[in-house]
Amino acid sequence: PYYVDLNQDLFLEASLHSSDKNLVLFVDTCVASPDPSNFKALTYELIRSGCVKDLTYKAINSSYKDVARFSFNAFSFIHRYPSVYLQCELVVCMENDYSSRCYQGCASRFKRDVGS
């Protein structure tokens, strides 16, 4: 466990360990939950499909393309939950593949009505 005060800035970093130096790392989705085994019932989204959902979430530039950094303010679920667990999904892409998910940024997907 990592203990912090409410509203304290938390800084996170993920790095890709690969011999292929042409890979890029992208933070796609990060969801918080008070239950480490259930990220469906009670959750809070920091970022979803590359779209920032929490106003305190900030992507932090890295000089390394295989490193993803971000920060957000610490929060808690209502007082009966002592912990917050974070689950993130990252995407790995080829560095110059501008059609890949890593270069699309926020991908808000809208469902179309197919009619009857």
N, C-alpha and C. Protein backbone atom coordinates (compact mmCIF):
# COMPACT_ATOMS: atom_id res chain seq x y z
N PRO A 1 0.83 -1.20 0.00
CA PRO A 1 0.00 0.00 0.00
C PRO A 1 0.87 1.26 0.00
N TYR A 2 0.30 2.29 -0.57
CA TYR A 2 0.95 3.59 -0.63
C TYR A 2 -0.02 4.57 0.03
N TYR A 3 0.38 5.17 1.14
CA TYR A 3 -0.51 6.04 1.89
C TYR A 3 -0.29 7.49 1.50
N VAL A 4 -1.39 8.18 1.21
CA VAL A 4 -1.32 9.59 0.82
C VAL A 4 -2.47 10.35 1.46
N ASP A 5 -2.35 11.65 1.46
CA ASP A 5 -3.43 12.51 1.93
C ASP A 5 -4.39 12.80 0.78
N LEU A 6 -5.63 13.08 1.12
CA LEU A 6 -6.61 13.46 0.10
C LEU A 6 -6.11 14.68 -0.65
N ASN A 7 -6.36 14.72 -1.93
CA ASN A 7 -5.98 15.80 -2.85
C ASN A 7 -4.48 15.93 -3.08
N GLN A 8 -3.69 15.03 -2.52
CA GLN A 8 -2.26 15.04 -2.80
C GLN A 8 -2.05 14.59 -4.25
N ASP A 9 -1.10 15.21 -4.94
CA ASP A 9 -0.78 14.79 -6.30
C ASP A 9 -0.10 13.43 -6.28
N LEU A 10 -0.62 12.50 -7.06
CA LEU A 10 -0.01 11.18 -7.23
C LEU A 10 0.59 11.13 -8.63
N PHE A 11 1.80 10.65 -8.73
CA PHE A 11 2.49 10.54 -10.01
C PHE A 11 2.73 9.06 -10.31
N LEU A 12 2.33 8.64 -11.50
CA LEU A 12 2.49 7.25 -11.90
C LEU A 12 3.29 7.17 -13.19
N GLU A 13 4.00 6.06 -13.33
CA GLU A 13 4.79 5.84 -14.52
C GLU A 13 4.72 4.37 -14.89
N ALA A 14 4.53 4.10 -16.17
CA ALA A 14 4.58 2.75 -16.70
C ALA A 14 5.66 2.73 -17.77
N SER A 15 6.43 1.66 -17.80
CA SER A 15 7.46 1.58 -18.82
C SER A 15 7.40 0.22 -19.51
N LEU A 16 7.76 0.24 -20.76
CA LEU A 16 7.75 -0.95 -21.59
C LEU A 16 9.18 -1.47 -21.68
N HIS A 17 9.36 -2.73 -21.39
CA HIS A 17 10.69 -3.32 -21.46
C HIS A 17 10.72 -4.26 -22.66
N SER A 18 11.36 -3.80 -23.74
CA SER A 18 11.42 -4.56 -24.97
C SER A 18 12.72 -4.22 -25.70
N SER A 19 13.21 -5.17 -26.44
CA SER A 19 14.40 -4.90 -27.24
C SER A 19 14.06 -4.09 -28.49
N ASP A 20 12.77 -4.03 -28.84
CA ASP A 20 12.32 -3.24 -29.99
C ASP A 20 12.21 -1.79 -29.57
N LYS A 21 13.06 -0.95 -30.10
CA LYS A 21 13.09 0.47 -29.73
C LYS A 21 12.10 1.32 -30.53
N ASN A 22 11.29 0.69 -31.39
CA ASN A 22 10.32 1.42 -32.21
C ASN A 22 8.91 1.31 -31.67
N LEU A 23 8.78 1.06 -30.37
CA LEU A 23 7.46 0.92 -29.76
C LEU A 23 7.11 2.15 -28.93
N VAL A 24 5.82 2.46 -28.91
CA VAL A 24 5.29 3.61 -28.17
C VAL A 24 4.27 3.08 -27.17
N LEU A 25 4.21 3.70 -25.99
CA LEU A 25 3.28 3.31 -24.94
C LEU A 25 2.23 4.40 -24.76
N PHE A 26 0.96 4.00 -24.68
CA PHE A 26 -0.16 4.94 -24.58
C PHE A 26 -1.10 4.51 -23.46
N VAL A 27 -1.47 5.44 -22.56
CA VAL A 27 -2.43 5.16 -21.50
C VAL A 27 -3.83 5.31 -22.10
N ASP A 28 -4.55 4.20 -22.20
CA ASP A 28 -5.88 4.22 -22.80
C ASP A 28 -6.96 4.41 -21.74
N THR A 29 -6.91 3.61 -20.68
CA THR A 29 -7.98 3.63 -19.67
C THR A 29 -7.40 3.38 -18.29
N CYS A 30 -7.86 4.16 -17.30
CA CYS A 30 -7.52 3.93 -15.89
C CYS A 30 -8.79 4.10 -15.07
N VAL A 31 -9.12 3.09 -14.31
CA VAL A 31 -10.33 3.07 -13.50
C VAL A 31 -9.95 2.76 -12.06
N ALA A 32 -10.56 3.45 -11.13
CA ALA A 32 -10.33 3.22 -9.70
C ALA A 32 -11.52 2.49 -9.10
N SER A 33 -11.24 1.69 -8.07
CA SER A 33 -12.29 0.94 -7.37
C SER A 33 -11.88 0.76 -5.91
N PRO A 34 -12.84 0.67 -5.00
CA PRO A 34 -12.50 0.36 -3.61
C PRO A 34 -12.28 -1.14 -3.39
N ASP A 35 -12.59 -1.95 -4.40
CA ASP A 35 -12.47 -3.40 -4.31
C ASP A 35 -11.48 -3.88 -5.37
N PRO A 36 -10.35 -4.47 -4.97
CA PRO A 36 -9.34 -4.87 -5.94
C PRO A 36 -9.78 -6.00 -6.88
N SER A 37 -10.86 -6.67 -6.57
CA SER A 37 -11.33 -7.76 -7.41
C SER A 37 -12.59 -7.42 -8.20
N ASN A 38 -13.06 -6.16 -8.10
CA ASN A 38 -14.28 -5.77 -8.81
C ASN A 38 -14.13 -4.36 -9.37
N PHE A 39 -13.88 -4.28 -10.65
CA PHE A 39 -13.79 -2.99 -11.32
C PHE A 39 -15.01 -2.74 -12.20
N LYS A 40 -16.16 -3.27 -11.76
CA LYS A 40 -17.42 -3.08 -12.48
C LYS A 40 -18.47 -2.37 -11.64
N ALA A 41 -18.59 -2.72 -10.36
CA ALA A 41 -19.69 -2.23 -9.53
C ALA A 41 -19.52 -0.75 -9.16
N LEU A 42 -18.62 -0.47 -8.26
CA LEU A 42 -18.39 0.91 -7.81
C LEU A 42 -17.04 1.34 -8.34
N THR A 43 -17.04 2.23 -9.32
CA THR A 43 -15.78 2.64 -9.95
C THR A 43 -15.76 4.14 -10.17
N TYR A 44 -14.57 4.63 -10.43
CA TYR A 44 -14.38 6.03 -10.79
C TYR A 44 -13.37 6.06 -11.93
N GLU A 45 -13.74 6.67 -13.04
CA GLU A 45 -12.88 6.70 -14.21
C GLU A 45 -11.96 7.93 -14.19
N LEU A 46 -10.67 7.69 -14.36
CA LEU A 46 -9.72 8.78 -14.54
C LEU A 46 -9.58 9.12 -16.02
N ILE A 47 -9.48 8.07 -16.83
CA ILE A 47 -9.38 8.22 -18.28
C ILE A 47 -10.01 6.99 -18.91
N ARG A 48 -10.77 7.18 -19.98
CA ARG A 48 -11.46 6.08 -20.65
C ARG A 48 -11.29 6.27 -22.16
N SER A 49 -10.75 5.28 -22.84
CA SER A 49 -10.51 5.33 -24.28
C SER A 49 -9.73 6.58 -24.68
N GLY A 50 -8.77 6.94 -23.84
CA GLY A 50 -7.93 8.10 -24.11
C GLY A 50 -8.58 9.43 -23.79
N CYS A 51 -9.82 9.40 -23.31
CA CYS A 51 -10.56 10.63 -22.98
C CYS A 51 -10.48 10.87 -21.47
N VAL A 52 -9.96 12.01 -21.08
CA VAL A 52 -9.80 12.34 -19.67
C VAL A 52 -11.17 12.54 -19.05
N LYS A 53 -11.42 11.85 -17.93
CA LYS A 53 -12.70 11.95 -17.21
C LYS A 53 -12.56 12.70 -15.89
N ASP A 54 -11.36 12.69 -15.32
CA ASP A 54 -11.11 13.37 -14.04
C ASP A 54 -10.33 14.66 -14.34
N LEU A 55 -10.84 15.78 -13.88
CA LEU A 55 -10.23 17.07 -14.18
C LEU A 55 -8.84 17.23 -13.60
N THR A 56 -8.46 16.39 -12.63
CA THR A 56 -7.12 16.50 -12.05
C THR A 56 -6.11 15.61 -12.77
N TYR A 57 -6.58 14.78 -13.70
CA TYR A 57 -5.69 13.90 -14.46
C TYR A 57 -4.85 14.73 -15.42
N LYS A 58 -3.55 14.47 -15.42
CA LYS A 58 -2.64 15.17 -16.34
C LYS A 58 -1.66 14.16 -16.91
N ALA A 59 -1.59 14.12 -18.24
CA ALA A 59 -0.54 13.34 -18.90
C ALA A 59 0.75 14.13 -18.77
N ILE A 60 1.83 13.44 -18.47
CA ILE A 60 3.13 14.10 -18.30
C ILE A 60 4.05 13.62 -19.41
N ASN A 61 4.59 14.56 -20.16
CA ASN A 61 5.49 14.21 -21.25
C ASN A 61 6.74 13.53 -20.72
N SER A 62 7.17 12.55 -21.47
CA SER A 62 8.40 11.84 -21.15
C SER A 62 9.33 11.94 -22.36
N SER A 63 10.60 12.00 -22.12
CA SER A 63 11.54 12.03 -23.24
C SER A 63 11.72 10.64 -23.85
N TYR A 64 11.09 9.64 -23.24
CA TYR A 64 11.16 8.26 -23.73
C TYR A 64 9.79 7.84 -24.24
N LYS A 65 9.73 7.37 -25.46
CA LYS A 65 8.44 6.98 -26.06
C LYS A 65 7.89 5.69 -25.46
N ASP A 66 8.75 4.91 -24.79
CA ASP A 66 8.29 3.66 -24.18
C ASP A 66 7.97 3.83 -22.69
N VAL A 67 7.78 5.09 -22.29
CA VAL A 67 7.41 5.42 -20.91
C VAL A 67 6.16 6.29 -20.94
N ALA A 68 5.16 5.93 -20.15
CA ALA A 68 3.94 6.74 -20.02
C ALA A 68 3.85 7.24 -18.59
N ARG A 69 3.65 8.54 -18.44
CA ARG A 69 3.56 9.15 -17.11
C ARG A 69 2.28 9.96 -17.01
N PHE A 70 1.69 9.92 -15.81
CA PHE A 70 0.53 10.77 -15.57
C PHE A 70 0.39 11.02 -14.08
N SER A 71 -0.44 12.00 -13.76
CA SER A 71 -0.70 12.32 -12.35
C SER A 71 -2.19 12.60 -12.18
N PHE A 72 -2.63 12.52 -10.93
CA PHE A 72 -4.00 12.90 -10.56
C PHE A 72 -4.01 13.15 -9.07
N ASN A 73 -5.06 13.81 -8.60
CA ASN A 73 -5.19 14.09 -7.17
C ASN A 73 -5.79 12.89 -6.45
N ALA A 74 -5.21 12.55 -5.31
CA ALA A 74 -5.71 11.44 -4.51
C ALA A 74 -7.14 11.73 -4.04
N PHE A 75 -7.94 10.71 -4.02
CA PHE A 75 -9.34 10.84 -3.60
C PHE A 75 -9.71 9.58 -2.85
N SER A 76 -10.90 9.57 -2.28
CA SER A 76 -11.39 8.36 -1.62
C SER A 76 -12.83 8.13 -2.02
N PHE A 77 -13.22 6.88 -1.97
CA PHE A 77 -14.64 6.55 -2.10
C PHE A 77 -15.23 6.84 -0.72
N ILE A 78 -16.51 7.04 -0.63
CA ILE A 78 -17.11 7.42 0.66
C ILE A 78 -16.42 6.73 1.83
N HIS A 79 -16.46 7.31 2.96
CA HIS A 79 -15.59 7.00 4.09
C HIS A 79 -15.53 5.54 4.55
N ARG A 80 -16.43 4.72 4.14
CA ARG A 80 -16.39 3.33 4.61
C ARG A 80 -15.40 2.47 3.84
N TYR A 81 -14.80 3.01 2.79
CA TYR A 81 -13.79 2.28 2.02
C TYR A 81 -12.42 2.87 2.32
N PRO A 82 -11.53 2.10 2.94
CA PRO A 82 -10.23 2.65 3.34
C PRO A 82 -9.22 2.74 2.21
N SER A 83 -9.44 2.02 1.11
CA SER A 83 -8.43 1.97 0.05
C SER A 83 -9.03 2.26 -1.32
N VAL A 84 -8.15 2.67 -2.22
CA VAL A 84 -8.51 2.87 -3.62
C VAL A 84 -7.52 2.05 -4.44
N TYR A 85 -8.04 1.26 -5.36
CA TYR A 85 -7.21 0.44 -6.24
C TYR A 85 -7.35 0.97 -7.66
N LEU A 86 -6.28 0.91 -8.39
CA LEU A 86 -6.24 1.45 -9.74
C LEU A 86 -5.95 0.33 -10.74
N GLN A 87 -6.72 0.30 -11.81
CA GLN A 87 -6.49 -0.66 -12.89
C GLN A 87 -6.39 0.13 -14.19
N CYS A 88 -5.26 -0.02 -14.89
CA CYS A 88 -5.03 0.74 -16.12
C CYS A 88 -4.79 -0.19 -17.29
N GLU A 89 -5.25 0.24 -18.44
CA GLU A 89 -5.00 -0.46 -19.69
C GLU A 89 -4.12 0.43 -20.55
N LEU A 90 -3.00 -0.11 -20.98
CA LEU A 90 -2.08 0.62 -21.84
C LEU A 90 -2.01 -0.08 -23.19
N VAL A 91 -1.69 0.70 -24.20
CA VAL A 91 -1.60 0.17 -25.56
C VAL A 91 -0.17 0.34 -26.05
N VAL A 92 0.33 -0.66 -26.73
CA VAL A 92 1.66 -0.61 -27.33
C VAL A 92 1.49 -0.55 -28.85
N CYS A 93 2.17 0.42 -29.46
CA CYS A 93 2.06 0.61 -30.92
C CYS A 93 3.44 0.80 -31.53
N MET A 94 3.50 0.66 -32.82
CA MET A 94 4.72 0.97 -33.54
C MET A 94 4.86 2.50 -33.58
N GLU A 95 6.08 2.98 -33.46
CA GLU A 95 6.35 4.41 -33.30
C GLU A 95 5.76 5.29 -34.39
N ASN A 96 5.88 4.95 -35.63
CA ASN A 96 5.42 5.84 -36.70
C ASN A 96 4.14 5.38 -37.38
N ASP A 97 3.37 4.53 -36.70
CA ASP A 97 2.09 4.08 -37.25
C ASP A 97 1.01 5.04 -36.78
N TYR A 98 0.81 6.11 -37.53
CA TYR A 98 -0.10 7.17 -37.10
C TYR A 98 -1.57 6.77 -37.20
N SER A 99 -1.85 5.60 -37.76
CA SER A 99 -3.23 5.11 -37.78
C SER A 99 -3.51 4.23 -36.56
N SER A 100 -2.50 3.99 -35.73
CA SER A 100 -2.67 3.12 -34.57
C SER A 100 -3.41 3.83 -33.44
N ARG A 101 -3.84 3.06 -32.48
CA ARG A 101 -4.58 3.58 -31.32
C ARG A 101 -3.76 4.62 -30.55
N CYS A 102 -2.46 4.47 -30.50
CA CYS A 102 -1.61 5.38 -29.72
C CYS A 102 -1.66 6.81 -30.22
N TYR A 103 -1.93 6.99 -31.51
CA TYR A 103 -1.92 8.33 -32.09
C TYR A 103 -3.31 8.92 -32.25
N GLN A 104 -4.35 8.19 -31.88
CA GLN A 104 -5.72 8.67 -32.04
C GLN A 104 -6.16 9.59 -30.91
N GLY A 105 -5.51 9.51 -29.76
CA GLY A 105 -5.93 10.33 -28.62
C GLY A 105 -7.27 9.88 -28.10
N CYS A 106 -8.12 10.85 -27.78
CA CYS A 106 -9.45 10.55 -27.24
C CYS A 106 -10.31 9.92 -28.33
N ALA A 107 -10.77 8.72 -28.06
CA ALA A 107 -11.60 8.00 -29.04
C ALA A 107 -13.00 7.84 -28.46
N SER A 108 -13.80 8.89 -28.59
CA SER A 108 -15.18 8.79 -28.10
C SER A 108 -15.98 8.07 -29.16
N ARG A 109 -16.45 6.92 -28.80
CA ARG A 109 -17.21 6.09 -29.73
C ARG A 109 -18.69 6.27 -29.49
N PHE A 110 -19.39 6.64 -30.53
CA PHE A 110 -20.84 6.81 -30.42
C PHE A 110 -21.52 5.66 -31.12
N LYS A 111 -22.54 5.10 -30.46
CA LYS A 111 -23.30 4.02 -31.08
C LYS A 111 -24.32 4.62 -32.03
N ARG A 112 -24.44 4.00 -33.20
CA ARG A 112 -25.43 4.47 -34.16
C ARG A 112 -26.70 3.66 -34.02
N ASP A 113 -27.81 4.32 -34.24
CA ASP A 113 -29.10 3.64 -34.22
C ASP A 113 -29.26 2.92 -35.56
N VAL A 114 -29.45 1.60 -35.50
CA VAL A 114 -29.60 0.82 -36.74
C VAL A 114 -31.04 0.79 -37.19
N GLY A 115 -31.95 1.31 -36.41
CA GLY A 115 -33.35 1.33 -36.80
C GLY A 115 -33.99 -0.04 -36.67
N SER A 116 -35.21 -0.17 -37.18
CA SER A 116 -35.91 -1.44 -37.06
C SER A 116 -35.66 -2.32 -38.26
